Amino acid sequence: MRVLLVEDEERLANTIARGLRREGMAVDVVFDGKAALSKTAVNSYDVIVLDRNLPLVHGDDVCKQLVARQCISRILMLTAAGSIQDRVTGLDLGADDYLPKPFALKELVARIRALGRRAVMAVPPVLTAGDLTLDPARHVAERAGRDLSLTKKEFSVLEVLLAAEGRVVSAEELLERVWDENTDPFTNVVRVTIMTLRRKIGDPPLVETVAGVGYRMVTPTQ
């Protein structure tokens, strides 16, 4: 899952970003509303965590502009103002969820994951391919009842491939969805992750390479 974190308090932003990355999320961080609008114009995010009280462009205006652009990212607004009216205002602007400060990182992670599951195209709560199942909510991946013991990046790559339902996913798309913008675009990290993922999934193979295009999930009968 790729997340944009927009928070003007740099120390808090960096602390949140570290926590989200430990949970396997790809996180880009900006510190003002203008930078947020620039990032969302060129990158796709599953969830945008947006503080309301931002410099340069207020968080409310960022939210309104994203909605006007028909941005498909889910928006979670953060604010130190936690009254019911503040929450109603944030939701009326087009935000999908609202979390008052201070908050527990565990709750933020849960809310981001919940929003990530509310994609424009509904994704089943449990993804499958043959005898392989992946449950994003429980963070469990199994094949024929055997736990695959995936790393967080392997789990995220498998989740993207399964959600594509047989569509070929390019290495560039995997890099964008699973890793953040600080990752070297010429790295072989996607190929290495696919290799270890295949080894853990076992035979018969379920991840197919489409030469020069990318990767897709197949079932043993295909």
Foldseek 3Di string as FASTA:
>chain_A
DEEEEEAQPVVVQVVLVVVVVQLQYAYDYDHALVVVLVCLVPAAGQEYEFEQPGPPAGSLRSLLVCVVVVRQHAYEYEYQDDDPVVQVSSVVSPHPYYDYPPDDSVVVNLVSLVSSCVGPPHADQWFDAAQWIAHSNVRFIDGVNHTLPDDSLLNQLVVVQRRVVFDFDAPQNSCRGRHYPVDDPPDCVSVVSVVVSQVSNDPPGQWDADPPGHIHGHHPVD
